[in-house]
PDB file of all heavy atoms in Angstrom:
ATOM      1  N   ASP A   1     -19.583   9.966  10.783  1.00  0.00           N
ATOM      2  CA  ASP A   1     -19.622  10.707   9.502  1.00  0.00           C
ATOM      3  C   ASP A   1     -18.804  12.052   9.641  1.00  0.00           C
ATOM      4  O   ASP A   1     -17.974  12.416   8.832  1.00  0.00           O
ATOM      5  CB  ASP A   1     -21.001  11.003   9.091  1.00  0.00           C
ATOM      6  CG  ASP A   1     -21.733   9.690   8.608  1.00  0.00           C
ATOM      7  OD1 ASP A   1     -21.007   8.709   8.355  1.00  0.00           O
ATOM      8  OD2 ASP A   1     -22.978   9.726   8.462  1.00  0.00           O
ATOM      9  N   ILE A   2     -19.103  12.772  10.763  1.00  0.00           N
ATOM     10  CA  ILE A   2     -18.460  14.068  10.901  1.00  0.00           C
ATOM     11  C   ILE A   2     -16.961  13.920  11.128  1.00  0.00           C
ATOM     12  O   ILE A   2     -16.250  14.788  10.713  1.00  0.00           O
ATOM     13  CB  ILE A   2     -19.195  14.824  12.074  1.00  0.00           C
ATOM     14  CG1 ILE A   2     -20.592  15.183  11.760  1.00  0.00           C
ATOM     15  CG2 ILE A   2     -18.389  16.065  12.473  1.00  0.00           C
ATOM     16  CD1 ILE A   2     -21.402  15.903  12.840  1.00  0.00           C
ATOM     17  N   ASP A   3     -16.592  12.822  11.678  1.00  0.00           N
ATOM     18  CA  ASP A   3     -15.174  12.550  11.937  1.00  0.00           C
ATOM     19  C   ASP A   3     -14.387  12.455  10.602  1.00  0.00           C
ATOM     20  O   ASP A   3     -13.184  12.600  10.530  1.00  0.00           O
ATOM     21  CB  ASP A   3     -14.937  11.275  12.713  1.00  0.00           C
ATOM     22  CG  ASP A   3     -13.558  11.201  13.307  1.00  0.00           C
ATOM     23  OD1 ASP A   3     -13.018  12.209  13.710  1.00  0.00           O
ATOM     24  OD2 ASP A   3     -12.957  10.074  13.267  1.00  0.00           O
ATOM     25  N   GLN A   4     -15.154  12.163   9.487  1.00  0.00           N
ATOM     26  CA  GLN A   4     -14.543  12.051   8.180  1.00  0.00           C
ATOM     27  C   GLN A   4     -14.408  13.393   7.473  1.00  0.00           C
ATOM     28  O   GLN A   4     -13.846  13.437   6.388  1.00  0.00           O
ATOM     29  CB  GLN A   4     -15.349  11.082   7.259  1.00  0.00           C
ATOM     30  CG  GLN A   4     -15.713   9.792   7.935  1.00  0.00           C
ATOM     31  CD  GLN A   4     -14.448   9.008   8.379  1.00  0.00           C
ATOM     32  OE1 GLN A   4     -13.512   8.836   7.623  1.00  0.00           O
ATOM     33  NE2 GLN A   4     -14.463   8.500   9.602  1.00  0.00           N
ATOM     34  N   TRP A   5     -15.013  14.400   7.994  1.00  0.00           N
ATOM     35  CA  TRP A   5     -15.011  15.721   7.279  1.00  0.00           C
ATOM     36  C   TRP A   5     -13.667  16.262   7.243  1.00  0.00           C
ATOM     37  O   TRP A   5     -12.889  16.258   8.184  1.00  0.00           O
ATOM     38  CB  TRP A   5     -15.988  16.690   8.026  1.00  0.00           C
ATOM     39  CG  TRP A   5     -17.416  16.367   7.938  1.00  0.00           C
ATOM     40  CD1 TRP A   5     -17.988  15.248   7.434  1.00  0.00           C
ATOM     41  CD2 TRP A   5     -18.497  17.247   8.403  1.00  0.00           C
ATOM     42  NE1 TRP A   5     -19.383  15.271   7.483  1.00  0.00           N
ATOM     43  CE2 TRP A   5     -19.679  16.466   8.121  1.00  0.00           C
ATOM     44  CE3 TRP A   5     -18.582  18.419   9.013  1.00  0.00           C
ATOM     45  CZ2 TRP A   5     -20.994  17.046   8.422  1.00  0.00           C
ATOM     46  CZ3 TRP A   5     -19.823  18.983   9.334  1.00  0.00           C
ATOM     47  CH2 TRP A   5     -21.011  18.242   9.011  1.00  0.00           C
ATOM     48  N   PRO A   6     -13.264  16.883   6.086  1.00  0.00           N
ATOM     49  CA  PRO A   6     -11.998  17.512   5.962  1.00  0.00           C
ATOM     50  C   PRO A   6     -11.938  18.822   6.651  1.00  0.00           C
ATOM     51  O   PRO A   6     -12.953  19.397   7.022  1.00  0.00           O
ATOM     52  CB  PRO A   6     -11.821  17.700   4.445  1.00  0.00           C
ATOM     53  CG  PRO A   6     -13.288  17.848   4.005  1.00  0.00           C
ATOM     54  CD  PRO A   6     -14.067  16.994   4.866  1.00  0.00           C
ATOM     55  N   PHE A   7     -10.702  19.311   6.936  1.00  0.00           N
ATOM     56  CA  PHE A   7     -10.526  20.608   7.587  1.00  0.00           C
ATOM     57  C   PHE A   7     -11.001  21.684   6.551  1.00  0.00           C
ATOM     58  O   PHE A   7     -10.603  21.584   5.375  1.00  0.00           O
ATOM     59  CB  PHE A   7      -9.075  20.891   7.891  1.00  0.00           C
ATOM     60  CG  PHE A   7      -8.864  22.027   8.828  1.00  0.00           C
ATOM     61  CD1 PHE A   7      -9.088  21.991  10.170  1.00  0.00           C
ATOM     62  CD2 PHE A   7      -8.490  23.261   8.263  1.00  0.00           C
ATOM     63  CE1 PHE A   7      -8.911  23.045  10.965  1.00  0.00           C
ATOM     64  CE2 PHE A   7      -8.301  24.396   9.076  1.00  0.00           C
ATOM     65  CZ  PHE A   7      -8.551  24.301  10.457  1.00  0.00           C
ATOM     66  N   PRO A   8     -11.762  22.708   6.941  1.00  0.00           N
ATOM     67  CA  PRO A   8     -12.276  23.670   5.970  1.00  0.00           C
ATOM     68  C   PRO A   8     -11.172  24.467   5.341  1.00  0.00           C
ATOM     69  O   PRO A   8     -10.182  24.895   5.981  1.00  0.00           O
ATOM     70  CB  PRO A   8     -13.160  24.570   6.786  1.00  0.00           C
ATOM     71  CG  PRO A   8     -12.748  24.359   8.170  1.00  0.00           C
ATOM     72  CD  PRO A   8     -12.224  22.963   8.290  1.00  0.00           C
ATOM     73  N   GLU A   9     -11.343  24.761   4.025  1.00  0.00           N
ATOM     74  CA  GLU A   9     -10.342  25.602   3.319  1.00  0.00           C
ATOM     75  C   GLU A   9     -11.129  26.713   2.610  1.00  0.00           C
ATOM     76  O   GLU A   9     -12.126  26.434   1.830  1.00  0.00           O
ATOM     77  CB  GLU A   9      -9.577  24.813   2.264  1.00  0.00           C
ATOM     78  CG  GLU A   9      -8.569  23.821   2.906  1.00  0.00           C
ATOM     79  CD  GLU A   9      -7.799  23.119   1.746  1.00  0.00           C
ATOM     80  OE1 GLU A   9      -6.867  23.784   1.265  1.00  0.00           O
ATOM     81  OE2 GLU A   9      -8.177  21.976   1.423  1.00  0.00           O
ATOM     82  N   ALA A  10     -10.777  27.983   2.769  1.00  0.00           N
ATOM     83  CA  ALA A  10     -11.458  29.113   2.145  1.00  0.00           C
ATOM     84  C   ALA A  10     -11.298  28.995   0.650  1.00  0.00           C
ATOM     85  O   ALA A  10     -10.233  28.696   0.107  1.00  0.00           O
ATOM     86  CB  ALA A  10     -10.832  30.438   2.609  1.00  0.00           C
ATOM     87  N   GLY A  11     -12.468  29.202  -0.063  1.00  0.00           N
ATOM     88  CA  GLY A  11     -12.520  29.143  -1.493  1.00  0.00           C
ATOM     89  C   GLY A  11     -12.547  27.782  -2.081  1.00  0.00           C
ATOM     90  O   GLY A  11     -12.497  27.628  -3.321  1.00  0.00           O
ATOM     91  N   HIS A  12     -12.696  26.767  -1.243  1.00  0.00           N
ATOM     92  CA  HIS A  12     -12.808  25.395  -1.727  1.00  0.00           C
ATOM     93  C   HIS A  12     -14.143  24.742  -1.454  1.00  0.00           C
ATOM     94  O   HIS A  12     -14.751  25.093  -0.440  1.00  0.00           O
ATOM     95  CB  HIS A  12     -11.677  24.519  -1.100  1.00  0.00           C
ATOM     96  CG  HIS A  12     -10.300  24.809  -1.522  1.00  0.00           C
ATOM     97  ND1 HIS A  12      -9.605  25.929  -1.168  1.00  0.00           N
ATOM     98  CD2 HIS A  12      -9.499  24.170  -2.367  1.00  0.00           C
ATOM     99  CE1 HIS A  12      -8.453  26.003  -1.706  1.00  0.00           C
ATOM    100  NE2 HIS A  12      -8.329  24.942  -2.498  1.00  0.00           N
ATOM    101  N   THR A  13     -14.581  23.897  -2.283  1.00  0.00           N
ATOM    102  CA  THR A  13     -15.862  23.160  -2.089  1.00  0.00           C
ATOM    103  C   THR A  13     -15.525  21.874  -1.328  1.00  0.00           C
ATOM    104  O   THR A  13     -14.655  21.113  -1.754  1.00  0.00           O
ATOM    105  CB  THR A  13     -16.535  22.798  -3.452  1.00  0.00           C
ATOM    106  OG1 THR A  13     -16.821  24.057  -4.023  1.00  0.00           O
ATOM    107  CG2 THR A  13     -17.824  22.036  -3.136  1.00  0.00           C
ATOM    108  N   LEU A  14     -16.198  21.677  -0.212  1.00  0.00           N
ATOM    109  CA  LEU A  14     -15.968  20.527   0.621  1.00  0.00           C
ATOM    110  C   LEU A  14     -17.083  19.458   0.452  1.00  0.00           C
ATOM    111  O   LEU A  14     -18.202  19.805   0.218  1.00  0.00           O
ATOM    112  CB  LEU A  14     -15.899  20.942   2.073  1.00  0.00           C
ATOM    113  CG  LEU A  14     -15.012  22.094   2.509  1.00  0.00           C
ATOM    114  CD1 LEU A  14     -15.190  22.463   3.925  1.00  0.00           C
ATOM    115  CD2 LEU A  14     -13.585  21.764   2.207  1.00  0.00           C
ATOM    116  N   GLN A  15     -16.726  18.199   0.497  1.00  0.00           N
ATOM    117  CA  GLN A  15     -17.677  17.116   0.458  1.00  0.00           C
ATOM    118  C   GLN A  15     -17.848  16.589   1.831  1.00  0.00           C
ATOM    119  O   GLN A  15     -17.010  15.961   2.413  1.00  0.00           O
ATOM    120  CB  GLN A  15     -17.175  16.014  -0.491  1.00  0.00           C
ATOM    121  CG  GLN A  15     -16.762  16.529  -1.889  1.00  0.00           C
ATOM    122  CD  GLN A  15     -17.961  16.902  -2.727  1.00  0.00           C
ATOM    123  OE1 GLN A  15     -19.080  16.376  -2.515  1.00  0.00           O
ATOM    124  NE2 GLN A  15     -17.768  17.817  -3.627  1.00  0.00           N
ATOM    125  N   LEU A  16     -19.062  16.777   2.409  1.00  0.00           N
ATOM    126  CA  LEU A  16     -19.349  16.483   3.809  1.00  0.00           C
ATOM    127  C   LEU A  16     -20.329  15.292   3.850  1.00  0.00           C
ATOM    128  O   LEU A  16     -21.541  15.558   3.703  1.00  0.00           O
ATOM    129  CB  LEU A  16     -19.763  17.630   4.604  1.00  0.00           C
ATOM    130  CG  LEU A  16     -18.925  18.922   4.440  1.00  0.00           C
ATOM    131  CD1 LEU A  16     -19.589  19.991   5.345  1.00  0.00           C
ATOM    132  CD2 LEU A  16     -17.549  18.685   4.919  1.00  0.00           C
ATOM    133  N   PRO A  17     -19.970  14.055   4.144  1.00  0.00           N
ATOM    134  CA  PRO A  17     -20.927  12.974   4.199  1.00  0.00           C
ATOM    135  C   PRO A  17     -21.728  13.025   5.515  1.00  0.00           C
ATOM    136  O   PRO A  17     -21.140  13.344   6.605  1.00  0.00           O
ATOM    137  CB  PRO A  17     -20.039  11.672   4.221  1.00  0.00           C
ATOM    138  CG  PRO A  17     -18.701  12.136   4.829  1.00  0.00           C
ATOM    139  CD  PRO A  17     -18.563  13.557   4.323  1.00  0.00           C
ATOM    140  N   LEU A  18     -23.016  12.800   5.471  1.00  0.00           N
ATOM    141  CA  LEU A  18     -23.807  12.839   6.711  1.00  0.00           C
ATOM    142  C   LEU A  18     -25.122  11.987   6.535  1.00  0.00           C
ATOM    143  O   LEU A  18     -25.941  12.362   5.700  1.00  0.00           O
ATOM    144  CB  LEU A  18     -24.202  14.222   7.066  1.00  0.00           C
ATOM    145  CG  LEU A  18     -24.876  14.380   8.436  1.00  0.00           C
ATOM    146  CD1 LEU A  18     -23.913  14.045   9.561  1.00  0.00           C
ATOM    147  CD2 LEU A  18     -25.403  15.806   8.699  1.00  0.00           C
ATOM    148  N   MET A  19     -25.160  10.842   7.151  1.00  0.00           N
ATOM    149  CA  MET A  19     -26.358   9.996   7.169  1.00  0.00           C
ATOM    150  C   MET A  19     -26.879   9.695   5.806  1.00  0.00           C
ATOM    151  O   MET A  19     -28.082   9.893   5.460  1.00  0.00           O
ATOM    152  CB  MET A  19     -27.449  10.672   8.079  1.00  0.00           C
ATOM    153  CG  MET A  19     -26.917  10.929   9.424  1.00  0.00           C
ATOM    154  SD  MET A  19     -28.213  11.545  10.521  1.00  0.00           S
ATOM    155  CE  MET A  19     -29.146   9.991  10.819  1.00  0.00           C
ATOM    156  N   GLY A  20     -26.053   9.222   4.973  1.00  0.00           N
ATOM    157  CA  GLY A  20     -26.496   8.857   3.599  1.00  0.00           C
ATOM    158  C   GLY A  20     -26.558  10.031   2.622  1.00  0.00           C
ATOM    159  O   GLY A  20     -27.025   9.786   1.501  1.00  0.00           O
ATOM    160  N   ASN A  21     -26.203  11.191   3.045  1.00  0.00           N
ATOM    161  CA  ASN A  21     -26.170  12.388   2.196  1.00  0.00           C
ATOM    162  C   ASN A  21     -24.807  12.885   2.004  1.00  0.00           C
ATOM    163  O   ASN A  21     -23.926  12.528   2.792  1.00  0.00           O
ATOM    164  CB  ASN A  21     -27.054  13.467   2.711  1.00  0.00           C
ATOM    165  CG  ASN A  21     -28.519  13.036   2.944  1.00  0.00           C
ATOM    166  OD1 ASN A  21     -29.308  12.977   1.996  1.00  0.00           O
ATOM    167  ND2 ASN A  21     -28.864  12.717   4.131  1.00  0.00           N
ATOM    168  N   VAL A  22     -24.516  13.624   0.947  1.00  0.00           N
ATOM    169  CA  VAL A  22     -23.233  14.329   0.824  1.00  0.00           C
ATOM    170  C   VAL A  22     -23.554  15.833   0.707  1.00  0.00           C
ATOM    171  O   VAL A  22     -24.236  16.254  -0.242  1.00  0.00           O
ATOM    172  CB  VAL A  22     -22.527  13.837  -0.432  1.00  0.00           C
ATOM    173  CG1 VAL A  22     -21.172  14.671  -0.575  1.00  0.00           C
ATOM    174  CG2 VAL A  22     -22.174  12.372  -0.350  1.00  0.00           C
ATOM    175  N   MET A  23     -23.048  16.537   1.682  1.00  0.00           N
ATOM    176  CA  MET A  23     -23.274  18.029   1.696  1.00  0.00           C
ATOM    177  C   MET A  23     -22.114  18.685   0.955  1.00  0.00           C
ATOM    178  O   MET A  23     -20.938  18.458   1.326  1.00  0.00           O
ATOM    179  CB  MET A  23     -23.375  18.541   3.141  1.00  0.00           C
ATOM    180  CG  MET A  23     -24.415  17.805   3.942  1.00  0.00           C
ATOM    181  SD  MET A  23     -24.451  18.460   5.607  1.00  0.00           S
ATOM    182  CE  MET A  23     -25.291  19.985   5.399  1.00  0.00           C
ATOM    183  N   GLN A  24     -22.380  19.446  -0.052  1.00  0.00           N
ATOM    184  CA  GLN A  24     -21.387  20.144  -0.819  1.00  0.00           C
ATOM    185  C   GLN A  24     -21.383  21.599  -0.333  1.00  0.00           C
ATOM    186  O   GLN A  24     -22.345  22.344  -0.530  1.00  0.00           O
ATOM    187  CB  GLN A  24     -21.669  20.147  -2.323  1.00  0.00           C
ATOM    188  CG  GLN A  24     -21.618  18.679  -2.903  1.00  0.00           C
ATOM    189  CD  GLN A  24     -21.934  18.655  -4.370  1.00  0.00           C
ATOM    190  OE1 GLN A  24     -22.465  19.611  -4.963  1.00  0.00           O
ATOM    191  NE2 GLN A  24     -21.657  17.531  -4.953  1.00  0.00           N
TER     192      GLN A  24
END
């Protein structure tokens, strides 16, 4: 899941999948 996380960008909302959840 973490391998799918995008590179962080300042001022942007990221969608982070983790174990059946999506962290915004």
